Amino acid sequence: MINDLTRRLLAEGWTRDHHPDAVYWSDFENFGFKWEEQLKMRWTTGCGLCVDPRDAAMSDTTYQGVWYCTENGNPAIRCPYGRRDCPHNIPGLKFPWCVCHETDAPYDPERSVGKVKRERNACRMSVMELTGGQYCACVVDSNGMDGGVHCVRYNVDQCIQVGCKNTVCSITKKPRDLSKVNVYYDIRRTWITRKGFLEDTKTAIEKGIKVFPRPVARTDAEIWLARKKAEFDPFRDKYIINPHITPLDRKQSYFSKHHRRWPEYDYFEFRYEVENIRIEARETRDLLQDLQDVAEGIEVVHASDALKATKEQEKARKIEAAEQKAKRAEKKLLAVGWDTLDDFERKQIYKALGDGRVHEIRKRMAKPVQTEEQISLSEFLKGDEPDE
């Protein structure tokens, strides 16, 4: 790739051995500006900020066939504001890079990239003083164009997501209980069906469903649940929290609402309710309540038991699949032999059977197999041997 400076100098008749003093022949088989010459240049960003010549001189990157450097008149620097939506950035890059252009205006420190960086650092230091130097998920980047780049926005969802471990909240300055808990709730499902003149009502309760996939701090769980209760609107929301709805629940709810029918039933109605929302360190079971529910004809299922049964079924399925794979691998090895297999097939057989089983089969296959005539002849010869 040839830069614009090289094209211009070659067109003017200059060579790599005879060229102006301000340039040199670089290792990239191109002409390049000397360092002292680059320090004399003046550059500005697309939004009008003055760029330090040293930052522009260090620019040397290529993207999608475009070479961004001072020799091409388009050095690129990291956007001082960190704006991804800036129209002056190079489109497609993961990080915002701003393309600069040369100018005749003198360098103005009050309207420069360096001043923006100093303001960002000052804002960052003020945030560090606010949090006491510790990380806080509630201190976010505003990604703005006016001075401050960080702002404080308390959000307990962020604390839960990152697993904040601060014993004292950096924003509220209140102590935090870091003991691990979770928010549990129960779902009551009710089916009302009719087939002909026979009506039936069935109720099932699934208990101990977790809201969060992993334990969270007790303080965060209490604030989260209190916020959900405060935001609950009975005229707009059906539940305080959004329950975990299975695809079957969603399908049955749709048919119950719009059709009132289900296969094999003349009338079908399905509804579910969220109840018994609580905060616990681990799931606790009320055996007396479970027995009472069962006595009333209610099917009781605990989410942890259902999850354990699902894992055991998945484990049994994987074991059965591994056994079937080992049988197929052994059958293939006995049918075609070890020497006819390529490296990939041998690795697959080793993975399915294991080293010990493969060596055992190969050792058994290496032994000569005697025919029936050979066996009969060997037995005849043993019978003719004289007795001592």
Protein backbone atom coordinates (compact mmCIF):
# COMPACT_ATOMS: atom_id res chain seq x y z
CA MET A 1 0.00 0.00 0.00
CA ILE A 2 1.41 3.37 -1.05
CA ASN A 3 0.57 6.54 0.84
CA ASP A 4 -0.29 9.89 -0.74
CA LEU A 5 3.06 11.44 0.19
CA THR A 6 4.93 8.75 -1.73
CA ARG A 7 2.71 9.14 -4.79
CA ARG A 8 3.23 12.89 -4.81
CA LEU A 9 7.02 12.74 -4.42
CA LEU A 10 7.42 10.02 -7.03
CA ALA A 11 5.30 12.03 -9.43
CA GLU A 12 7.57 15.01 -8.85
CA GLY A 13 10.63 12.89 -9.75
CA TRP A 14 12.05 12.22 -6.32
CA THR A 15 13.60 8.81 -5.53
CA ARG A 16 14.33 6.84 -2.37
CA ASP A 17 17.95 7.99 -2.50
CA HIS A 18 17.24 11.58 -3.54
CA HIS A 19 14.34 13.20 -1.65
CA PRO A 20 13.56 16.33 0.41
CA ASP A 21 15.14 16.66 3.86
CA ALA A 22 11.75 16.69 5.59
CA VAL A 23 11.03 13.07 4.65
CA TYR A 24 12.77 9.70 4.84
CA TRP A 25 12.36 6.28 3.24
CA SER A 26 10.63 4.12 5.81
CA ASP A 27 10.56 0.38 6.34
CA PHE A 28 7.06 0.26 4.81
CA GLU A 29 8.56 0.98 1.36
CA ASN A 30 7.05 4.47 1.53
CA PHE A 31 8.15 7.99 2.21
CA GLY A 32 7.39 9.26 5.70
CA PHE A 33 7.64 12.58 7.50
CA LYS A 34 10.46 12.95 9.97
CA TRP A 35 9.48 13.38 13.61
CA GLU A 36 10.54 17.02 13.86
CA GLU A 37 8.56 17.79 10.71
CA GLN A 38 5.41 16.18 12.12
CA LEU A 39 5.67 18.29 15.27
CA LYS A 40 5.28 21.40 13.10
CA MET A 41 1.91 20.24 11.71
CA ARG A 42 -1.44 21.36 13.11
CA TRP A 43 -4.44 19.03 13.21
CA THR A 44 -8.07 19.33 14.29
CA THR A 45 -10.82 16.81 14.82
CA GLY A 46 -14.12 16.84 12.98
CA CYS A 47 -15.79 18.63 15.90
CA GLY A 48 -13.12 21.37 15.94
CA LEU A 49 -10.79 20.30 18.76
CA CYS A 50 -7.08 20.96 18.37
CA VAL A 51 -4.95 17.81 18.37
CA ASP A 52 -1.51 17.50 19.88
CA PRO A 53 0.93 16.91 17.00
CA ARG A 54 2.52 14.08 18.96
CA ASP A 55 -0.81 12.23 19.11
CA ALA A 56 -1.38 12.69 15.39
CA ALA A 57 2.18 11.58 14.59
CA MET A 58 1.63 8.32 16.47
CA SER A 59 -1.43 7.48 14.34
CA ASP A 60 -0.76 4.59 12.00
CA THR A 61 -3.68 2.21 11.45
CA THR A 62 -5.37 0.51 8.51
CA TYR A 63 -9.03 -0.45 8.27
CA GLN A 64 -11.00 -1.70 5.27
CA GLY A 65 -8.29 -0.68 2.83
CA VAL A 66 -7.84 2.85 4.21
CA TRP A 67 -4.51 3.85 5.76
CA TYR A 68 -4.94 6.48 8.49
CA CYS A 69 -1.66 8.36 8.97
CA THR A 70 -0.17 11.84 8.66
CA GLU A 71 1.31 11.03 5.24
CA ASN A 72 -2.23 10.53 3.90
CA GLY A 73 -3.54 13.62 5.71
CA ASN A 74 -6.03 11.62 7.79
CA PRO A 75 -4.50 10.59 11.14
CA ALA A 76 -6.97 8.98 13.56
CA ILE A 77 -7.12 9.33 17.35
CA ARG A 78 -9.40 7.93 20.00
CA CYS A 79 -12.49 10.07 20.40
CA PRO A 80 -11.93 12.09 23.60
CA TYR A 81 -15.67 12.00 24.39
CA GLY A 82 -16.03 8.30 23.72
CA ARG A 83 -19.04 8.90 21.46
CA ARG A 84 -19.96 5.96 19.27
CA ASP A 85 -22.58 7.91 17.30
CA CYS A 86 -20.28 10.73 16.23
CA PRO A 87 -20.45 11.22 12.43
CA HIS A 88 -16.70 11.98 12.31
CA ASN A 89 -15.71 8.53 13.60
CA ILE A 90 -14.50 5.68 11.42
CA PRO A 91 -17.61 3.54 10.82
CA GLY A 92 -17.44 -0.11 11.75
CA LEU A 93 -14.73 0.02 14.42
CA LYS A 94 -15.41 -1.39 17.88
CA PHE A 95 -14.00 1.71 19.58
CA PRO A 96 -14.70 5.29 18.41
CA TRP A 97 -11.78 6.66 16.42
CA CYS A 98 -11.92 10.24 15.13
CA VAL A 99 -10.37 11.20 11.77
CA CYS A 100 -8.36 14.44 11.86
CA HIS A 101 -7.52 16.90 9.13
CA GLU A 102 -4.71 19.45 8.78
CA THR A 103 -5.34 23.11 9.48
CA ASP A 104 -3.43 26.42 9.45
CA ALA A 105 -4.96 27.64 12.72
CA PRO A 106 -2.58 27.78 15.71
CA TYR A 107 -2.85 25.25 18.50
CA ASP A 108 -5.36 26.46 21.15
CA PRO A 109 -4.96 24.68 24.52
CA GLU A 110 -8.40 25.89 25.68
CA ARG A 111 -10.05 24.15 22.75
CA SER A 112 -8.04 20.98 22.52
CA VAL A 113 -8.26 17.24 23.01
CA GLY A 114 -5.89 17.54 25.95
CA LYS A 115 -8.29 19.80 27.84
CA VAL A 116 -11.15 17.35 27.31
CA LYS A 117 -8.97 14.53 28.64
CA ARG A 118 -8.03 16.58 31.72
CA GLU A 119 -11.71 17.31 32.39
CA ARG A 120 -12.50 13.64 32.07
CA ASN A 121 -9.75 12.75 34.49
CA ALA A 122 -10.94 15.39 36.96
CA CYS A 123 -14.48 14.03 36.74
CA ARG A 124 -13.18 10.52 37.20
CA MET A 125 -11.19 11.58 40.27
CA SER A 126 -14.28 13.25 41.77
CA VAL A 127 -16.17 10.00 41.27
CA MET A 128 -13.33 8.10 42.94
CA GLU A 129 -13.59 10.45 45.91
CA LEU A 130 -17.33 9.83 46.03
CA THR A 131 -16.95 6.03 46.08
CA GLY A 132 -13.84 6.01 48.24
CA GLY A 133 -11.78 4.46 45.46
CA GLN A 134 -13.88 1.30 45.21
CA TYR A 135 -15.81 0.08 42.21
CA CYS A 136 -19.48 1.04 42.09
CA ALA A 137 -21.92 -0.23 39.45
CA CYS A 138 -24.08 2.87 39.92
CA VAL A 139 -21.39 5.16 38.52
CA VAL A 140 -21.99 4.99 34.78
CA ASP A 141 -20.65 6.72 31.70
CA SER A 142 -23.03 9.38 30.40
CA ASN A 143 -21.25 9.35 27.00
CA GLY A 144 -22.01 13.01 26.50
CA MET A 145 -20.41 15.93 24.68
CA ASP A 146 -20.44 18.46 27.52
CA GLY A 147 -17.59 18.14 30.01
CA GLY A 148 -18.68 15.49 32.50
CA VAL A 149 -18.44 11.93 31.26
CA HIS A 150 -19.52 10.10 34.41
CA CYS A 151 -22.72 10.36 36.36
CA VAL A 152 -24.21 8.72 39.44
CA ARG A 153 -27.37 6.75 38.76
CA TYR A 154 -28.43 4.43 41.56
CA ASN A 155 -29.89 1.24 40.15
CA VAL A 156 -30.22 -1.87 42.29
CA ASP A 157 -30.46 -4.00 39.14
CA GLN A 158 -26.88 -3.04 38.32
CA CYS A 159 -25.77 -3.96 41.83
CA ILE A 160 -27.40 -7.38 41.47
CA GLN A 161 -26.04 -7.96 37.99
CA VAL A 162 -22.39 -7.29 38.90
CA GLY A 163 -22.67 -8.77 42.40
CA CYS A 164 -21.62 -5.64 44.30
CA LYS A 165 -19.50 -6.54 47.34
CA ASN A 166 -19.25 -3.09 48.96
CA THR A 167 -20.12 -3.31 52.65
CA VAL A 168 -21.27 0.33 52.56
CA CYS A 169 -23.17 1.68 49.56
CA SER A 170 -21.11 4.36 47.82
CA ILE A 171 -24.25 6.29 46.86
CA THR A 172 -26.61 5.99 49.82
CA LYS A 173 -23.79 5.69 52.39
CA LYS A 174 -25.81 2.99 54.19
CA PRO A 175 -24.43 -0.39 55.34
CA ARG A 176 -25.25 -3.36 53.17
CA ASP A 177 -26.04 -6.89 54.35
CA LEU A 178 -24.00 -9.14 52.04
CA SER A 179 -25.50 -12.43 53.25
CA LYS A 180 -26.60 -14.43 50.23
CA VAL A 181 -30.36 -14.83 49.69
CA ASN A 182 -32.81 -15.20 46.83
CA VAL A 183 -36.38 -14.18 46.10
CA TYR A 184 -38.75 -17.15 45.95
CA TYR A 185 -42.37 -17.39 44.87
CA ASP A 186 -45.03 -20.03 44.14
CA ILE A 187 -47.22 -20.47 41.08
CA ARG A 188 -50.74 -21.86 41.38
CA ARG A 189 -52.06 -23.34 38.14
CA THR A 190 -55.76 -24.12 37.73
CA TRP A 191 -57.40 -26.07 34.91
CA ILE A 192 -61.20 -26.05 34.47
CA THR A 193 -62.31 -28.48 31.79
CA ARG A 194 -65.54 -29.98 30.49
CA LYS A 195 -65.99 -32.99 28.25
CA GLY A 196 -69.59 -33.56 27.44
CA PHE A 197 -71.48 -33.23 30.74
CA LEU A 198 -68.39 -34.05 32.87
CA GLU A 199 -66.67 -31.09 34.43
CA ASP A 200 -63.35 -31.25 36.24
CA THR A 201 -61.18 -28.78 38.14
CA LYS A 202 -57.51 -29.50 38.71
CA THR A 203 -55.08 -27.39 40.75
CA ALA A 204 -51.29 -27.66 41.00
CA ILE A 205 -48.82 -25.55 42.94
CA GLU A 206 -45.18 -25.23 41.99
CA LYS A 207 -43.26 -23.96 45.04
CA GLY A 208 -39.84 -22.47 45.56
CA ILE A 209 -39.24 -20.85 42.16
CA LYS A 210 -36.18 -18.57 42.15
CA VAL A 211 -36.22 -15.08 40.70
CA PHE A 212 -32.43 -14.78 40.32
CA PRO A 213 -30.26 -17.54 38.89
CA ARG A 214 -27.68 -17.06 41.65
CA PRO A 215 -27.84 -15.74 45.25
CA VAL A 216 -27.71 -11.98 45.78
CA ALA A 217 -27.05 -9.71 48.75
CA ARG A 218 -29.95 -9.46 51.19
CA THR A 219 -29.98 -5.66 51.04
CA ASP A 220 -30.23 -5.70 47.25
CA ALA A 221 -33.02 -8.31 47.35
CA GLU A 222 -35.03 -6.27 49.87
CA ILE A 223 -34.64 -3.05 47.85
CA TRP A 224 -35.52 -4.85 44.62
CA LEU A 225 -38.67 -6.42 46.07
CA ALA A 226 -39.75 -3.16 47.75
CA ARG A 227 -39.36 -1.33 44.44
CA LYS A 228 -41.42 -3.98 42.63
CA LYS A 229 -44.20 -3.65 45.19
CA ALA A 230 -44.14 0.15 44.93
CA GLU A 231 -44.29 0.02 41.10
CA PHE A 232 -47.16 -2.49 41.08
CA ASP A 233 -50.35 -1.10 39.56
CA PRO A 234 -53.37 -3.42 39.94
CA PHE A 235 -55.10 -1.78 36.96
CA ARG A 236 -52.12 -2.35 34.68
CA ASP A 237 -50.08 -5.25 36.07
CA LYS A 238 -51.25 -8.76 36.82
CA TYR A 239 -48.43 -9.66 39.20
CA ILE A 240 -45.91 -7.91 41.39
CA ILE A 241 -43.06 -9.77 39.68
CA ASN A 242 -42.87 -11.34 36.27
CA PRO A 243 -43.17 -15.10 36.82
CA HIS A 244 -41.36 -17.76 34.85
CA ILE A 245 -43.87 -18.86 32.22
CA THR A 246 -43.20 -22.11 30.39
CA PRO A 247 -44.06 -22.50 26.70
CA LEU A 248 -46.89 -24.85 27.67
CA ASP A 249 -48.31 -22.24 30.07
CA ARG A 250 -48.18 -19.62 27.36
CA LYS A 251 -49.90 -21.91 24.87
CA GLN A 252 -52.62 -22.93 27.30
CA SER A 253 -53.21 -19.30 28.30
CA TYR A 254 -53.65 -18.30 24.67
CA PHE A 255 -56.17 -21.04 23.91
CA SER A 256 -57.98 -20.40 27.18
CA LYS A 257 -58.31 -16.69 26.45
CA HIS A 258 -59.20 -16.75 22.77
CA HIS A 259 -60.81 -20.13 22.10
CA ARG A 260 -61.84 -21.68 25.42
CA ARG A 261 -60.96 -25.01 23.85
CA TRP A 262 -58.21 -27.58 24.06
CA PRO A 263 -57.81 -30.96 22.32
CA GLU A 264 -60.17 -33.59 23.79
CA TYR A 265 -62.14 -30.97 25.76
CA ASP A 266 -65.30 -29.07 24.86
CA TYR A 267 -64.47 -26.30 27.33
CA PHE A 268 -61.04 -25.35 28.60
CA GLU A 269 -59.98 -22.62 31.00
CA PHE A 270 -56.46 -22.15 32.37
CA ARG A 271 -55.09 -19.57 34.76
CA TYR A 272 -52.06 -19.18 36.97
CA GLU A 273 -51.40 -16.98 39.98
CA VAL A 274 -48.25 -15.84 41.73
CA GLU A 275 -48.34 -16.12 45.49
CA ASN A 276 -46.18 -16.34 48.61
CA ILE A 277 -43.36 -14.04 47.47
CA ARG A 278 -40.62 -14.13 50.11
CA ILE A 279 -36.89 -13.63 50.66
CA GLU A 280 -34.97 -16.62 52.01
CA ALA A 281 -31.38 -17.74 52.28
CA ARG A 282 -32.43 -21.18 51.01
CA GLU A 283 -35.69 -22.80 50.11
CA THR A 284 -37.72 -23.82 53.16
CA ARG A 285 -40.58 -26.31 52.96
CA ASP A 286 -43.70 -26.28 55.08
CA LEU A 287 -44.47 -30.00 55.30
CA LEU A 288 -47.76 -29.46 57.12
CA GLN A 289 -48.95 -27.05 54.43
CA ASP A 290 -47.87 -29.49 51.72
CA LEU A 291 -49.82 -32.32 53.37
CA GLN A 292 -52.86 -30.07 53.73
CA ASP A 293 -52.68 -29.11 50.04
CA VAL A 294 -52.38 -32.76 49.01
CA ALA A 295 -55.36 -33.66 51.22
CA GLU A 296 -57.39 -31.02 49.38
CA GLY A 297 -56.54 -32.63 46.06
CA ILE A 298 -53.88 -30.12 45.03
CA GLU A 299 -50.78 -31.41 43.29
CA VAL A 300 -47.66 -30.04 45.00
CA VAL A 301 -44.36 -29.83 43.14
CA HIS A 302 -41.17 -28.15 44.36
CA ALA A 303 -39.06 -26.42 41.73
CA SER A 304 -35.82 -27.81 43.19
CA ASP A 305 -37.13 -31.38 42.94
CA ALA A 306 -38.25 -30.82 39.36
CA LEU A 307 -34.86 -29.34 38.48
CA LYS A 308 -33.06 -32.26 40.12
CA ALA A 309 -35.21 -34.76 38.23
CA THR A 310 -34.50 -32.94 34.97
CA LYS A 311 -30.75 -33.06 35.63
CA GLU A 312 -30.90 -36.76 36.44
CA GLN A 313 -32.80 -37.44 33.23
CA GLU A 314 -30.28 -35.41 31.27
CA LYS A 315 -27.43 -37.31 32.92
CA ALA A 316 -29.05 -40.67 32.13
CA ARG A 317 -29.60 -39.56 28.55
CA LYS A 318 -25.93 -38.59 28.16
CA ILE A 319 -24.80 -41.93 29.65
CA GLU A 320 -27.04 -43.85 27.27
CA ALA A 321 -25.80 -41.79 24.31
CA ALA A 322 -22.18 -42.46 25.31
CA GLU A 323 -22.88 -46.20 25.52
CA GLN A 324 -24.50 -46.21 22.09
CA LYS A 325 -21.56 -44.27 20.68
CA ALA A 326 -19.10 -46.75 22.20
CA LYS A 327 -21.01 -49.68 20.68
CA ARG A 328 -20.94 -48.07 17.24
CA ALA A 329 -17.23 -47.31 17.56
CA GLU A 330 -16.42 -50.89 18.64
CA LYS A 331 -18.51 -52.34 15.81
CA LYS A 332 -16.72 -50.11 13.30
CA LEU A 333 -13.29 -51.07 14.66
CA LEU A 334 -14.07 -54.79 14.45
CA ALA A 335 -15.51 -54.41 10.95
CA VAL A 336 -12.81 -52.40 9.16
CA GLY A 337 -9.74 -52.88 11.38
CA TRP A 338 -7.35 -50.38 12.94
CA ASP A 339 -4.97 -50.01 10.00
CA THR A 340 -7.66 -48.80 7.59
CA LEU A 341 -8.74 -45.90 9.83
CA ASP A 342 -7.40 -42.37 9.33
CA ASP A 343 -6.17 -40.15 12.17
CA PHE A 344 -9.53 -38.44 12.72
CA GLU A 345 -11.41 -41.76 12.95
CA ARG A 346 -8.82 -43.12 15.39
CA LYS A 347 -9.22 -40.09 17.63
CA GLN A 348 -12.99 -40.53 17.60
CA ILE A 349 -12.67 -44.22 18.54
CA TYR A 350 -10.19 -43.40 21.34
CA LYS A 351 -12.61 -40.77 22.62
CA ALA A 352 -15.58 -43.17 22.55
CA LEU A 353 -13.91 -46.33 23.91
CA GLY A 354 -10.89 -45.15 25.86
CA ASP A 355 -7.30 -46.29 25.59
CA GLY A 356 -7.73 -49.48 27.59
CA ARG A 357 -10.68 -50.78 25.57
CA VAL A 358 -9.01 -49.92 22.24
CA HIS A 359 -5.80 -51.76 23.18
CA GLU A 360 -7.82 -54.74 24.35
CA ILE A 361 -9.71 -54.98 21.05
CA ARG A 362 -6.56 -54.52 18.99
CA LYS A 363 -4.79 -57.23 20.99
CA ARG A 364 -7.70 -59.60 20.45
CA MET A 365 -7.75 -58.83 16.74
CA ALA A 366 -3.99 -59.45 16.45
CA LYS A 367 -4.30 -63.09 17.59
CA PRO A 368 -4.61 -65.57 14.66
CA VAL A 369 -8.05 -67.10 14.34
CA GLN A 370 -8.03 -70.90 13.89
CA THR A 371 -10.47 -72.53 11.53
CA GLU A 372 -12.53 -75.60 12.41
CA GLU A 373 -10.18 -77.87 10.41
CA GLN A 374 -7.15 -76.56 12.32
CA ILE A 375 -8.91 -77.06 15.64
CA SER A 376 -9.89 -80.66 14.73
CA LEU A 377 -6.36 -81.48 13.55
CA SER A 378 -4.80 -80.10 16.75
CA GLU A 379 -7.19 -82.18 18.87
CA PHE A 380 -6.38 -85.33 16.78
CA LEU A 381 -2.67 -84.81 17.22
CA LYS A 382 -3.06 -84.38 20.96
CA GLY A 383 -4.99 -87.70 21.08
CA ASP A 384 -2.18 -89.63 19.31
CA GLU A 385 0.50 -88.60 21.80
CA PRO A 386 1.78 -91.66 23.77
CA ASP A 387 0.98 -91.85 27.44
CA GLU A 388 3.97 -91.61 29.73
